[in-house]
């Protein structure tokens, strides 16, 4: 089992990284928001270490099986992901798409038995949310104490879905937040209060959230 890869970050795509080590290039699947942060921070061409997990991906016709790696820059994120994917029905691909909230928020929802918040994760419906709580409650408290507040995955909204979200995003960008930070703040606010209907209300709620953190 390959549990860690260290080398030069040769390339970063939307959901994968190419790591060169001794002339050998390893493709590592990474969560979309992490990929974006690595690209924005200019890490391409620099040394990097990924904490990795092995998984097997089936081909389109299910006749071929491909060994794959999924990687994280934080060992705590790797540990949580390994636990999260042990839930029946939560495969690696679904888990990679679902982590649009910081790990500490997802862990807190599990420990608080907050299935409503878990259902907001892409691909997680009511039945899967209940399974996550049933199987992981009592096992994720330490992750809820994490100080990392960046989500691992983007929400999947390549374009902001509503005019007031777009207005709020522009305001945050003007305030010198980068794209991923602003998107994270908006998604976090809407995951807590889904009935927000104006940019003013959204910015006000984000302000209150940030003051609490």
N, C-alpha and C. Protein backbone atom coordinates (compact mmCIF):
# COMPACT_ATOMS: atom_id res chain seq x y z
N UNK A 1 0.84 -1.20 0.00
CA UNK A 1 0.00 0.00 0.00
C UNK A 1 0.88 1.25 0.00
N UNK A 2 0.62 2.15 -0.93
CA UNK A 2 1.36 3.41 -0.98
C UNK A 2 0.63 4.41 -0.09
N UNK A 3 1.25 4.82 1.01
CA UNK A 3 0.60 5.71 1.96
C UNK A 3 1.11 7.14 1.89
N UNK A 4 2.21 7.35 1.15
CA UNK A 4 2.76 8.70 1.03
C UNK A 4 3.62 8.79 -0.23
N UNK A 5 3.48 9.92 -0.94
CA UNK A 5 4.31 10.18 -2.12
C UNK A 5 4.94 11.56 -1.97
N UNK A 6 6.25 11.61 -2.15
CA UNK A 6 6.97 12.88 -2.09
C UNK A 6 7.72 13.08 -3.40
N UNK A 7 7.58 14.24 -3.98
CA UNK A 7 8.28 14.51 -5.24
C UNK A 7 7.99 15.92 -5.70
N UNK A 8 8.14 16.17 -6.99
CA UNK A 8 7.87 17.49 -7.56
C UNK A 8 6.48 17.48 -8.16
N UNK A 9 5.71 18.52 -7.86
CA UNK A 9 4.38 18.66 -8.44
C UNK A 9 4.55 19.12 -9.89
N UNK A 10 4.42 18.18 -10.81
CA UNK A 10 4.69 18.48 -12.22
C UNK A 10 3.50 19.12 -12.90
N UNK A 11 2.29 18.77 -12.45
CA UNK A 11 1.09 19.26 -13.12
C UNK A 11 -0.08 19.15 -12.15
N UNK A 12 -1.02 20.09 -12.27
CA UNK A 12 -2.23 20.02 -11.45
C UNK A 12 -3.43 20.29 -12.36
N UNK A 13 -4.40 19.39 -12.31
CA UNK A 13 -5.62 19.54 -13.09
C UNK A 13 -6.79 19.75 -12.14
N UNK A 14 -7.99 19.74 -12.67
CA UNK A 14 -9.17 20.03 -11.86
C UNK A 14 -9.35 19.05 -10.71
N UNK A 15 -9.01 17.78 -10.95
CA UNK A 15 -9.23 16.79 -9.89
C UNK A 15 -8.08 15.79 -9.76
N UNK A 16 -6.91 16.16 -10.26
CA UNK A 16 -5.76 15.25 -10.15
C UNK A 16 -4.46 16.02 -10.20
N UNK A 17 -3.42 15.38 -9.67
CA UNK A 17 -2.08 15.96 -9.68
C UNK A 17 -1.12 14.93 -10.26
N UNK A 18 -0.06 15.43 -10.89
CA UNK A 18 0.98 14.57 -11.43
C UNK A 18 2.25 14.85 -10.64
N UNK A 19 2.75 13.82 -9.97
CA UNK A 19 3.93 13.97 -9.11
C UNK A 19 5.10 13.21 -9.71
N UNK A 20 6.22 13.91 -9.90
CA UNK A 20 7.42 13.28 -10.48
C UNK A 20 8.39 12.91 -9.36
N UNK A 21 8.80 11.66 -9.36
CA UNK A 21 9.76 11.18 -8.37
C UNK A 21 10.74 10.26 -9.06
N UNK A 22 11.97 10.71 -9.19
CA UNK A 22 13.00 9.88 -9.81
C UNK A 22 12.72 9.51 -11.24
N UNK A 23 12.07 10.41 -11.98
CA UNK A 23 11.76 10.15 -13.38
C UNK A 23 10.49 9.37 -13.60
N UNK A 24 9.81 8.99 -12.51
CA UNK A 24 8.53 8.29 -12.60
C UNK A 24 7.43 9.27 -12.22
N UNK A 25 6.37 9.31 -13.02
CA UNK A 25 5.26 10.24 -12.78
C UNK A 25 4.05 9.48 -12.23
N UNK A 26 3.56 9.93 -11.09
CA UNK A 26 2.42 9.29 -10.43
C UNK A 26 1.20 10.21 -10.54
N UNK A 27 0.09 9.66 -11.00
CA UNK A 27 -1.16 10.42 -11.03
C UNK A 27 -1.88 10.22 -9.70
N UNK A 28 -2.23 11.31 -9.05
CA UNK A 28 -2.90 11.27 -7.76
C UNK A 28 -4.20 12.04 -7.86
N UNK A 29 -5.31 11.37 -7.59
CA UNK A 29 -6.60 12.06 -7.55
C UNK A 29 -6.62 12.95 -6.30
N UNK A 30 -7.10 14.17 -6.47
CA UNK A 30 -7.18 15.09 -5.32
C UNK A 30 -8.55 15.77 -5.34
N UNK A 31 -9.07 16.16 -4.18
CA UNK A 31 -10.34 16.90 -4.14
C UNK A 31 -10.22 18.22 -4.91
N UNK A 32 -11.31 18.64 -5.52
CA UNK A 32 -11.28 19.77 -6.44
C UNK A 32 -10.84 21.09 -5.80
N UNK A 33 -11.29 21.38 -4.58
CA UNK A 33 -10.89 22.65 -3.94
C UNK A 33 -9.42 22.63 -3.56
N UNK A 34 -8.92 21.47 -3.16
CA UNK A 34 -7.49 21.34 -2.85
C UNK A 34 -6.68 21.56 -4.12
N UNK A 35 -7.13 20.99 -5.24
CA UNK A 35 -6.44 21.19 -6.51
C UNK A 35 -6.39 22.67 -6.87
N UNK A 36 -7.48 23.37 -6.67
CA UNK A 36 -7.54 24.80 -6.98
C UNK A 36 -6.57 25.59 -6.10
N UNK A 37 -6.52 25.25 -4.82
CA UNK A 37 -5.62 25.98 -3.91
C UNK A 37 -4.16 25.74 -4.27
N UNK A 38 -3.82 24.51 -4.66
CA UNK A 38 -2.45 24.21 -5.05
C UNK A 38 -2.06 25.00 -6.30
N UNK A 39 -3.00 25.11 -7.23
CA UNK A 39 -2.72 25.86 -8.46
C UNK A 39 -2.57 27.35 -8.17
N UNK A 40 -3.49 27.88 -7.35
CA UNK A 40 -3.46 29.32 -7.04
C UNK A 40 -2.21 29.72 -6.25
N UNK A 41 -1.72 28.79 -5.43
CA UNK A 41 -0.57 29.12 -4.58
C UNK A 41 0.77 28.91 -5.28
N UNK A 42 0.72 28.55 -6.56
CA UNK A 42 1.95 28.42 -7.33
C UNK A 42 2.81 27.23 -6.95
N UNK A 43 2.19 26.14 -6.56
CA UNK A 43 2.94 24.96 -6.12
C UNK A 43 3.49 24.12 -7.27
N UNK A 44 2.98 24.34 -8.48
CA UNK A 44 3.47 23.56 -9.62
C UNK A 44 4.97 23.82 -9.80
N UNK A 45 5.73 22.73 -9.92
CA UNK A 45 7.18 22.82 -10.04
C UNK A 45 7.90 22.78 -8.71
N UNK A 46 7.14 22.77 -7.62
CA UNK A 46 7.73 22.77 -6.29
C UNK A 46 7.63 21.37 -5.65
N UNK A 47 8.46 21.08 -4.66
CA UNK A 47 8.35 19.79 -3.94
C UNK A 47 7.01 19.72 -3.21
N UNK A 48 6.45 18.52 -3.15
CA UNK A 48 5.17 18.33 -2.47
C UNK A 48 5.11 16.92 -1.90
N UNK A 49 4.34 16.77 -0.84
CA UNK A 49 4.09 15.46 -0.25
C UNK A 49 2.59 15.23 -0.18
N UNK A 50 2.14 14.11 -0.71
CA UNK A 50 0.74 13.72 -0.61
C UNK A 50 0.61 12.51 0.32
N UNK A 51 -0.31 12.60 1.25
CA UNK A 51 -0.71 11.46 2.07
C UNK A 51 -1.76 10.71 1.25
N UNK A 52 -1.51 9.46 0.91
CA UNK A 52 -2.31 8.79 -0.11
C UNK A 52 -3.07 7.57 0.40
N UNK A 53 -4.11 7.25 -0.37
CA UNK A 53 -4.93 6.06 -0.16
C UNK A 53 -5.05 5.36 -1.50
N UNK A 54 -4.94 4.04 -1.52
CA UNK A 54 -5.11 3.26 -2.73
C UNK A 54 -6.58 2.86 -2.89
N UNK A 55 -7.07 2.89 -4.13
CA UNK A 55 -8.39 2.32 -4.38
C UNK A 55 -8.42 1.76 -5.80
N UNK A 56 -9.40 0.93 -6.05
CA UNK A 56 -9.56 0.29 -7.36
C UNK A 56 -10.75 0.90 -8.06
N UNK A 57 -10.52 1.36 -9.29
CA UNK A 57 -11.59 1.98 -10.08
C UNK A 57 -11.97 1.04 -11.22
N UNK A 58 -13.27 0.81 -11.37
CA UNK A 58 -13.76 -0.05 -12.44
C UNK A 58 -13.88 0.75 -13.73
N UNK A 59 -13.56 0.12 -14.86
CA UNK A 59 -13.72 0.76 -16.15
C UNK A 59 -15.20 0.87 -16.51
N UNK A 60 -15.47 1.52 -17.64
CA UNK A 60 -16.85 1.77 -18.04
C UNK A 60 -17.65 0.48 -18.20
N UNK A 61 -17.03 -0.55 -18.71
CA UNK A 61 -17.74 -1.82 -18.92
C UNK A 61 -17.55 -2.79 -17.76
N UNK A 62 -16.92 -2.32 -16.70
CA UNK A 62 -16.71 -3.11 -15.49
C UNK A 62 -15.83 -4.33 -15.71
N UNK A 63 -15.19 -4.40 -16.90
CA UNK A 63 -14.34 -5.56 -17.19
C UNK A 63 -12.88 -5.31 -16.83
N UNK A 64 -12.53 -4.04 -16.65
CA UNK A 64 -11.17 -3.70 -16.30
C UNK A 64 -11.16 -2.98 -14.95
N UNK A 65 -10.15 -3.27 -14.15
CA UNK A 65 -9.99 -2.63 -12.86
C UNK A 65 -8.66 -1.89 -12.86
N UNK A 66 -8.69 -0.64 -12.43
CA UNK A 66 -7.50 0.21 -12.47
C UNK A 66 -7.11 0.64 -11.06
N UNK A 67 -5.85 0.39 -10.67
CA UNK A 67 -5.40 0.88 -9.36
C UNK A 67 -5.22 2.40 -9.42
N UNK A 68 -5.73 3.08 -8.42
CA UNK A 68 -5.66 4.54 -8.37
C UNK A 68 -5.15 4.99 -7.00
N UNK A 69 -4.70 6.23 -6.96
CA UNK A 69 -4.29 6.87 -5.71
C UNK A 69 -5.12 8.13 -5.51
N UNK A 70 -5.54 8.37 -4.29
CA UNK A 70 -6.16 9.64 -3.93
C UNK A 70 -5.28 10.26 -2.85
N UNK A 71 -5.03 11.56 -2.95
CA UNK A 71 -4.06 12.16 -2.06
C UNK A 71 -4.53 13.44 -1.38
N UNK A 72 -3.92 13.70 -0.23
CA UNK A 72 -4.21 14.90 0.58
C UNK A 72 -2.89 15.46 1.08
N UNK A 73 -2.85 16.76 1.31
CA UNK A 73 -1.63 17.36 1.85
C UNK A 73 -1.62 17.33 3.38
N UNK A 74 -2.74 16.99 3.98
CA UNK A 74 -2.88 16.95 5.44
C UNK A 74 -3.18 15.51 5.88
N UNK A 75 -2.37 14.92 6.77
CA UNK A 75 -2.63 13.55 7.21
C UNK A 75 -3.96 13.40 7.94
N UNK A 76 -4.45 14.47 8.57
CA UNK A 76 -5.75 14.42 9.24
C UNK A 76 -6.87 14.27 8.21
N UNK A 77 -6.73 14.96 7.09
CA UNK A 77 -7.72 14.84 6.01
C UNK A 77 -7.73 13.42 5.46
N UNK A 78 -6.54 12.85 5.29
CA UNK A 78 -6.46 11.46 4.82
C UNK A 78 -7.14 10.52 5.79
N UNK A 79 -6.91 10.71 7.07
CA UNK A 79 -7.49 9.83 8.09
C UNK A 79 -9.02 9.94 8.09
N UNK A 80 -9.52 11.17 7.99
CA UNK A 80 -10.97 11.35 7.96
C UNK A 80 -11.56 10.72 6.71
N UNK A 81 -10.93 10.93 5.57
CA UNK A 81 -11.44 10.39 4.31
C UNK A 81 -11.49 8.86 4.35
N UNK A 82 -10.47 8.26 4.93
CA UNK A 82 -10.43 6.80 5.05
C UNK A 82 -11.60 6.31 5.90
N UNK A 83 -11.90 7.02 6.97
CA UNK A 83 -13.03 6.66 7.83
C UNK A 83 -14.36 6.90 7.12
N UNK A 84 -14.46 8.04 6.44
CA UNK A 84 -15.69 8.44 5.76
C UNK A 84 -16.08 7.43 4.69
N UNK A 85 -15.11 6.91 3.97
CA UNK A 85 -15.40 5.98 2.87
C UNK A 85 -15.65 4.56 3.34
N UNK A 86 -15.56 4.32 4.65
CA UNK A 86 -15.92 3.02 5.18
C UNK A 86 -17.44 2.86 5.31
N UNK A 87 -18.16 3.97 5.21
CA UNK A 87 -19.62 3.92 5.28
C UNK A 87 -20.16 3.26 4.02
N UNK A 88 -21.03 2.30 4.18
CA UNK A 88 -21.61 1.59 3.04
C UNK A 88 -22.36 2.58 2.14
N UNK A 89 -22.03 2.59 0.86
CA UNK A 89 -22.67 3.50 -0.09
C UNK A 89 -21.87 4.77 -0.33
N UNK A 90 -20.81 4.98 0.44
CA UNK A 90 -19.95 6.16 0.26
C UNK A 90 -18.65 5.73 -0.39
N UNK A 91 -18.64 5.72 -1.72
CA UNK A 91 -17.43 5.34 -2.45
C UNK A 91 -16.45 6.50 -2.51
N UNK A 92 -15.29 6.23 -3.05
CA UNK A 92 -14.23 7.23 -3.12
C UNK A 92 -14.65 8.42 -3.98
N UNK A 93 -15.21 8.16 -5.15
CA UNK A 93 -15.58 9.26 -6.05
C UNK A 93 -16.67 10.13 -5.43
N UNK A 94 -17.66 9.50 -4.83
CA UNK A 94 -18.73 10.26 -4.20
C UNK A 94 -18.17 11.07 -3.04
N UNK A 95 -17.30 10.48 -2.26
CA UNK A 95 -16.71 11.18 -1.12
C UNK A 95 -15.90 12.39 -1.58
N UNK A 96 -15.14 12.23 -2.66
CA UNK A 96 -14.35 13.35 -3.18
C UNK A 96 -15.23 14.53 -3.59
N UNK A 97 -16.41 14.22 -4.14
CA UNK A 97 -17.33 15.29 -4.56
C UNK A 97 -18.07 15.90 -3.38
N UNK A 98 -18.24 15.12 -2.32
CA UNK A 98 -19.15 15.53 -1.24
C UNK A 98 -18.55 16.52 -0.24
N UNK A 99 -17.23 16.60 -0.16
CA UNK A 99 -16.60 17.35 0.93
C UNK A 99 -16.55 18.85 0.67
N UNK A 100 -17.72 19.45 0.43
CA UNK A 100 -17.79 20.89 0.12
C UNK A 100 -17.83 21.74 1.39
N UNK A 101 -17.90 21.10 2.55
CA UNK A 101 -17.78 21.79 3.83
C UNK A 101 -16.46 21.38 4.48
N UNK A 102 -15.88 22.22 5.31
CA UNK A 102 -14.66 21.81 6.02
C UNK A 102 -14.89 20.52 6.79
N UNK A 103 -13.85 19.70 6.89
CA UNK A 103 -13.97 18.43 7.60
C UNK A 103 -14.49 18.62 9.01
N UNK A 104 -14.08 19.69 9.68
CA UNK A 104 -14.53 19.90 11.06
C UNK A 104 -16.03 20.10 11.13
N UNK A 105 -16.63 20.73 10.10
CA UNK A 105 -18.08 20.94 10.07
C UNK A 105 -18.82 19.63 9.82
N UNK A 106 -18.27 18.81 8.94
CA UNK A 106 -18.90 17.51 8.66
C UNK A 106 -18.82 16.63 9.90
N UNK A 107 -17.66 16.62 10.55
CA UNK A 107 -17.49 15.83 11.76
C UNK A 107 -18.43 16.30 12.87
N UNK A 108 -18.58 17.62 13.00
CA UNK A 108 -19.48 18.17 14.02
C UNK A 108 -20.92 17.75 13.74
N UNK A 109 -21.30 17.75 12.46
CA UNK A 109 -22.65 17.32 12.09
C UNK A 109 -22.87 15.85 12.46
N UNK A 110 -21.85 15.03 12.25
CA UNK A 110 -21.95 13.61 12.62
C UNK A 110 -22.10 13.46 14.12
N UNK A 111 -21.29 14.16 14.87
CA UNK A 111 -21.33 14.04 16.34
C UNK A 111 -22.61 14.65 16.92
N UNK A 112 -23.18 15.65 16.25
CA UNK A 112 -24.43 16.26 16.71
C UNK A 112 -25.67 15.60 16.11
N UNK A 113 -25.44 14.54 15.35
CA UNK A 113 -26.53 13.82 14.67
C UNK A 113 -27.36 14.77 13.80
N UNK A 114 -26.67 15.66 13.13
CA UNK A 114 -27.33 16.66 12.29
C UNK A 114 -27.43 16.14 10.86
N UNK A 115 -28.44 15.33 10.60
CA UNK A 115 -28.59 14.74 9.27
C UNK A 115 -28.97 15.79 8.23
N UNK A 116 -29.60 16.88 8.67
CA UNK A 116 -29.98 17.95 7.74
C UNK A 116 -28.75 18.54 7.07
N UNK A 117 -27.72 18.81 7.86
CA UNK A 117 -26.49 19.38 7.29
C UNK A 117 -25.81 18.36 6.38
N UNK A 118 -25.79 17.10 6.78
CA UNK A 118 -25.14 16.07 5.95
C UNK A 118 -25.86 15.90 4.62
N UNK A 119 -27.17 16.07 4.61
CA UNK A 119 -27.93 15.93 3.36
C UNK A 119 -27.61 17.03 2.36
N UNK A 120 -26.98 18.10 2.80
CA UNK A 120 -26.60 19.17 1.89
C UNK A 120 -25.34 18.83 1.10
N UNK A 121 -24.64 17.78 1.51
CA UNK A 121 -23.43 17.38 0.78
C UNK A 121 -23.84 16.70 -0.52
N UNK A 122 -23.21 17.04 -1.64
CA UNK A 122 -23.56 16.41 -2.92
C UNK A 122 -23.49 14.89 -2.85
N UNK A 123 -24.55 14.24 -3.32
CA UNK A 123 -24.59 12.78 -3.35
C UNK A 123 -25.03 12.14 -2.06
N UNK A 124 -25.29 12.94 -1.02
CA UNK A 124 -25.70 12.39 0.28
C UNK A 124 -27.17 12.69 0.49
N UNK A 125 -28.00 11.68 0.35
CA UNK A 125 -29.42 11.83 0.62
C UNK A 125 -29.73 11.46 2.06
N UNK A 126 -31.02 11.39 2.37
CA UNK A 126 -31.43 11.11 3.73
C UNK A 126 -30.96 9.77 4.26
N UNK A 127 -31.06 8.72 3.44
CA UNK A 127 -30.68 7.38 3.89
C UNK A 127 -29.18 7.29 4.13
N UNK A 128 -28.39 7.88 3.23
CA UNK A 128 -26.95 7.83 3.41
C UNK A 128 -26.52 8.69 4.61
N UNK A 129 -27.17 9.83 4.79
CA UNK A 129 -26.86 10.68 5.95
C UNK A 129 -27.09 9.91 7.24
N UNK A 130 -28.18 9.16 7.30
CA UNK A 130 -28.47 8.36 8.50
C UNK A 130 -27.43 7.27 8.70
N UNK A 131 -26.98 6.66 7.60
CA UNK A 131 -25.93 5.64 7.69
C UNK A 131 -24.63 6.22 8.21
N UNK A 132 -24.29 7.40 7.71
CA UNK A 132 -23.05 8.06 8.14
C UNK A 132 -23.08 8.28 9.65
N UNK A 133 -24.21 8.79 10.14
CA UNK A 133 -24.34 9.05 11.58
C UNK A 133 -24.30 7.75 12.36
N UNK A 134 -25.03 6.74 11.88
CA UNK A 134 -25.10 5.46 12.60
C UNK A 134 -23.73 4.80 12.70
N UNK A 135 -22.94 4.87 11.63
CA UNK A 135 -21.67 4.17 11.61
C UNK A 135 -20.50 4.98 12.16
N UNK A 136 -20.59 6.32 12.11
CA UNK A 136 -19.43 7.12 12.49
C UNK A 136 -19.62 7.94 13.77
N UNK A 137 -20.84 8.02 14.28
CA UNK A 137 -21.05 8.80 15.50
C UNK A 137 -20.18 8.25 16.63
N UNK A 138 -19.48 9.16 17.31
CA UNK A 138 -18.57 8.75 18.37
C UNK A 138 -17.16 8.50 17.90
N UNK A 139 -16.94 8.53 16.57
CA UNK A 139 -15.62 8.26 16.02
C UNK A 139 -14.97 9.49 15.38
N UNK A 140 -15.71 10.59 15.31
CA UNK A 140 -15.21 11.74 14.56
C UNK A 140 -15.02 13.00 15.41
N UNK A 141 -15.11 12.86 16.72
CA UNK A 141 -15.02 14.04 17.59
C UNK A 141 -13.70 14.79 17.41
N UNK A 142 -12.60 14.07 17.25
CA UNK A 142 -11.31 14.75 17.13
C UNK A 142 -11.22 15.58 15.85
N UNK A 143 -11.92 15.12 14.79
CA UNK A 143 -11.89 15.88 13.54
C UNK A 143 -12.69 17.17 13.68
N UNK A 144 -13.71 17.16 14.54
CA UNK A 144 -14.51 18.36 14.77
C UNK A 144 -13.69 19.44 15.47
N UNK A 145 -12.58 19.06 16.08
CA UNK A 145 -11.71 20.01 16.75
C UNK A 145 -10.62 20.57 15.84
N UNK A 146 -10.60 20.11 14.59
CA UNK A 146 -9.57 20.57 13.65
C UNK A 146 -9.66 22.09 13.47
N UNK A 147 -8.52 22.73 13.27
CA UNK A 147 -8.48 24.18 13.04
C UNK A 147 -8.55 24.52 11.55
N UNK A 148 -8.45 23.51 10.71
CA UNK A 148 -8.51 23.72 9.27
C UNK A 148 -9.96 24.07 8.88
N UNK A 149 -10.16 25.21 8.21
CA UNK A 149 -11.52 25.62 7.88
C UNK A 149 -11.77 25.74 6.38
N UNK A 150 -10.92 25.11 5.58
CA UNK A 150 -11.11 25.11 4.14
C UNK A 150 -11.77 23.80 3.70
N UNK A 151 -12.79 23.85 2.86
CA UNK A 151 -13.38 22.61 2.33
C UNK A 151 -12.41 21.94 1.37
N UNK A 152 -12.54 20.65 1.20
CA UNK A 152 -11.67 19.93 0.29
C UNK A 152 -12.21 19.92 -1.14
N UNK A 153 -13.52 20.06 -1.29
CA UNK A 153 -14.13 20.00 -2.62
C UNK A 153 -14.89 21.27 -2.92
N UNK A 154 -14.92 21.64 -4.20
CA UNK A 154 -15.74 22.77 -4.63
C UNK A 154 -17.20 22.31 -4.70
N UNK A 155 -18.08 23.26 -4.64
CA UNK A 155 -19.51 22.93 -4.62
C UNK A 155 -20.01 22.41 -5.95
N UNK A 156 -19.18 22.52 -6.99
CA UNK A 156 -19.64 22.07 -8.30
C UNK A 156 -20.27 23.20 -9.10
N UNK A 157 -20.37 24.38 -8.49
CA UNK A 157 -20.95 25.53 -9.19
C UNK A 157 -19.82 26.25 -9.92
N UNK A 158 -19.60 25.90 -11.17
CA UNK A 158 -18.58 26.61 -11.93
C UNK A 158 -18.97 28.07 -12.12
N UNK A 159 -20.30 28.29 -12.19
CA UNK A 159 -20.82 29.64 -12.22
C UNK A 159 -21.72 29.80 -11.01
N UNK A 160 -21.69 30.96 -10.43
CA UNK A 160 -22.54 31.20 -9.27
C UNK A 160 -23.99 31.10 -9.72
N UNK A 161 -24.80 30.35 -8.96
CA UNK A 161 -26.12 29.96 -9.43
C UNK A 161 -27.17 31.04 -9.31
N UNK A 162 -26.98 32.07 -8.52
CA UNK A 162 -28.00 33.09 -8.39
C UNK A 162 -27.35 34.47 -8.39
N UNK A 163 -28.16 35.48 -8.73
CA UNK A 163 -27.61 36.83 -8.86
C UNK A 163 -27.10 37.35 -7.52
N UNK A 164 -27.81 37.05 -6.43
CA UNK A 164 -27.35 37.58 -5.14
C UNK A 164 -26.06 36.91 -4.68
N UNK A 165 -25.86 35.62 -5.04
CA UNK A 165 -24.59 34.95 -4.72
C UNK A 165 -23.46 35.59 -5.51
N UNK A 166 -23.74 35.91 -6.77
CA UNK A 166 -22.72 36.54 -7.61
C UNK A 166 -22.33 37.90 -7.03
N UNK A 167 -23.34 38.66 -6.59
CA UNK A 167 -23.07 39.97 -6.00
C UNK A 167 -22.23 39.84 -4.73
N UNK A 168 -22.58 38.84 -3.89
CA UNK A 168 -21.82 38.62 -2.65
C UNK A 168 -20.40 38.19 -2.96
N UNK A 169 -20.23 37.35 -3.99
CA UNK A 169 -18.90 36.90 -4.39
C UNK A 169 -18.04 38.10 -4.82
N UNK A 170 -18.64 38.99 -5.59
CA UNK A 170 -17.90 40.17 -6.06
C UNK A 170 -17.49 41.05 -4.89
N UNK A 171 -18.37 41.19 -3.89
CA UNK A 171 -18.04 41.99 -2.71
C UNK A 171 -16.84 41.38 -1.98
N UNK A 172 -16.86 40.07 -1.79
CA UNK A 172 -15.76 39.40 -1.07
C UNK A 172 -14.45 39.49 -1.85
N UNK A 173 -14.53 39.39 -3.16
CA UNK A 173 -13.32 39.54 -3.98
C UNK A 173 -12.76 40.96 -3.86
N UNK A 174 -13.64 41.95 -3.81
CA UNK A 174 -13.21 43.33 -3.62
C UNK A 174 -12.54 43.53 -2.26
N UNK A 175 -12.94 42.71 -1.29
CA UNK A 175 -12.36 42.79 0.05
C UNK A 175 -11.08 41.97 0.18
N UNK A 176 -10.53 41.55 -0.99
CA UNK A 176 -9.23 40.88 -1.07
C UNK A 176 -9.25 39.40 -0.66
N UNK A 177 -10.44 38.79 -0.57
CA UNK A 177 -10.49 37.34 -0.42
C UNK A 177 -10.26 36.73 -1.80
N UNK A 178 -9.57 35.57 -1.84
CA UNK A 178 -9.42 34.94 -3.15
C UNK A 178 -10.68 34.13 -3.49
N UNK A 179 -10.73 33.62 -4.72
CA UNK A 179 -11.93 32.95 -5.22
C UNK A 179 -12.36 31.78 -4.33
N UNK A 180 -11.41 30.94 -3.94
CA UNK A 180 -11.76 29.76 -3.15
C UNK A 180 -12.22 30.13 -1.75
N UNK A 181 -11.58 31.15 -1.15
CA UNK A 181 -12.00 31.60 0.18
C UNK A 181 -13.42 32.17 0.13
N UNK A 182 -13.69 33.00 -0.87
CA UNK A 182 -15.01 33.62 -1.00
C UNK A 182 -16.09 32.57 -1.25
N UNK A 183 -15.77 31.61 -2.12
CA UNK A 183 -16.75 30.56 -2.42
C UNK A 183 -17.01 29.70 -1.18
N UNK A 184 -15.95 29.43 -0.42
CA UNK A 184 -16.10 28.65 0.81
C UNK A 184 -17.00 29.36 1.81
N UNK A 185 -16.81 30.68 1.96
CA UNK A 185 -17.62 31.45 2.90
C UNK A 185 -19.09 31.48 2.49
N UNK A 186 -19.33 31.61 1.19
CA UNK A 186 -20.71 31.62 0.69
C UNK A 186 -21.37 30.27 0.88
N UNK A 187 -20.66 29.19 0.50
CA UNK A 187 -21.23 27.85 0.64
C UNK A 187 -21.49 27.50 2.10
N UNK A 188 -20.57 27.90 2.98
CA UNK A 188 -20.74 27.61 4.40
C UNK A 188 -21.96 28.32 4.95
N UNK A 189 -22.15 29.59 4.56
CA UNK A 189 -23.30 30.34 5.04
C UNK A 189 -24.61 29.73 4.55
N UNK A 190 -24.66 29.37 3.26
CA UNK A 190 -25.88 28.81 2.69
C UNK A 190 -26.18 27.41 3.21
N UNK A 191 -25.13 26.69 3.63
CA UNK A 191 -25.37 25.36 4.20
C UNK A 191 -26.03 25.45 5.57
N UNK A 192 -25.82 26.58 6.25
CA UNK A 192 -26.44 26.78 7.57
C UNK A 192 -27.80 27.44 7.44
N UNK A 193 -27.90 28.40 6.53
CA UNK A 193 -29.16 29.16 6.36
C UNK A 193 -29.52 29.20 4.89
N UNK A 194 -30.26 28.19 4.45
CA UNK A 194 -30.54 28.03 3.03
C UNK A 194 -31.58 29.01 2.49
N UNK A 195 -32.30 29.73 3.37
CA UNK A 195 -33.37 30.62 2.91
C UNK A 195 -32.89 32.05 2.68
N UNK A 196 -31.58 32.27 2.68
CA UNK A 196 -31.04 33.61 2.37
C UNK A 196 -31.44 33.97 0.94
N UNK A 197 -31.89 35.22 0.74
CA UNK A 197 -32.43 35.58 -0.57
C UNK A 197 -31.87 36.88 -1.13
N UNK A 198 -30.89 37.49 -0.45
CA UNK A 198 -30.31 38.73 -0.97
C UNK A 198 -28.82 38.77 -0.63
N UNK A 199 -28.08 39.55 -1.42
CA UNK A 199 -26.64 39.64 -1.18
C UNK A 199 -26.35 40.33 0.15
N UNK A 200 -27.18 41.30 0.52
CA UNK A 200 -26.99 41.99 1.79
C UNK A 200 -27.15 41.03 2.97
N UNK A 201 -28.19 40.19 2.88
CA UNK A 201 -28.43 39.21 3.95
C UNK A 201 -27.31 38.19 4.01
N UNK A 202 -26.83 37.79 2.83
CA UNK A 202 -25.75 36.81 2.76
C UNK A 202 -24.45 37.36 3.34
N UNK A 203 -24.08 38.58 2.97
CA UNK A 203 -22.86 39.20 3.49
C UNK A 203 -22.96 39.38 5.00
N UNK A 204 -24.14 39.78 5.48
CA UNK A 204 -24.36 39.97 6.92
C UNK A 204 -24.20 38.66 7.67
N UNK A 205 -24.74 37.58 7.10
CA UNK A 205 -24.65 36.28 7.76
C UNK A 205 -23.21 35.77 7.76
N UNK A 206 -22.49 36.00 6.64
CA UNK A 206 -21.09 35.60 6.57
C UNK A 206 -20.29 36.36 7.64
N UNK A 207 -20.56 37.65 7.79
CA UNK A 207 -19.87 38.45 8.79
C UNK A 207 -20.09 37.86 10.20
N UNK A 208 -21.34 37.53 10.51
CA UNK A 208 -21.65 36.96 11.82
C UNK A 208 -20.93 35.62 12.02
N UNK A 209 -20.90 34.80 10.95
CA UNK A 209 -20.22 33.49 11.02
C UNK A 209 -18.73 33.66 11.28
N UNK A 210 -18.11 34.60 10.53
CA UNK A 210 -16.68 34.81 10.67
C UNK A 210 -16.31 35.38 12.05
N UNK A 211 -17.18 36.19 12.61
CA UNK A 211 -16.93 36.75 13.93
C UNK A 211 -16.97 35.67 15.01
N UNK A 212 -17.77 34.62 14.77
CA UNK A 212 -17.88 33.53 15.75
C UNK A 212 -16.67 32.62 15.70
N UNK A 213 -16.03 32.51 14.53
CA UNK A 213 -14.93 31.55 14.36
C UNK A 213 -13.62 32.07 14.93
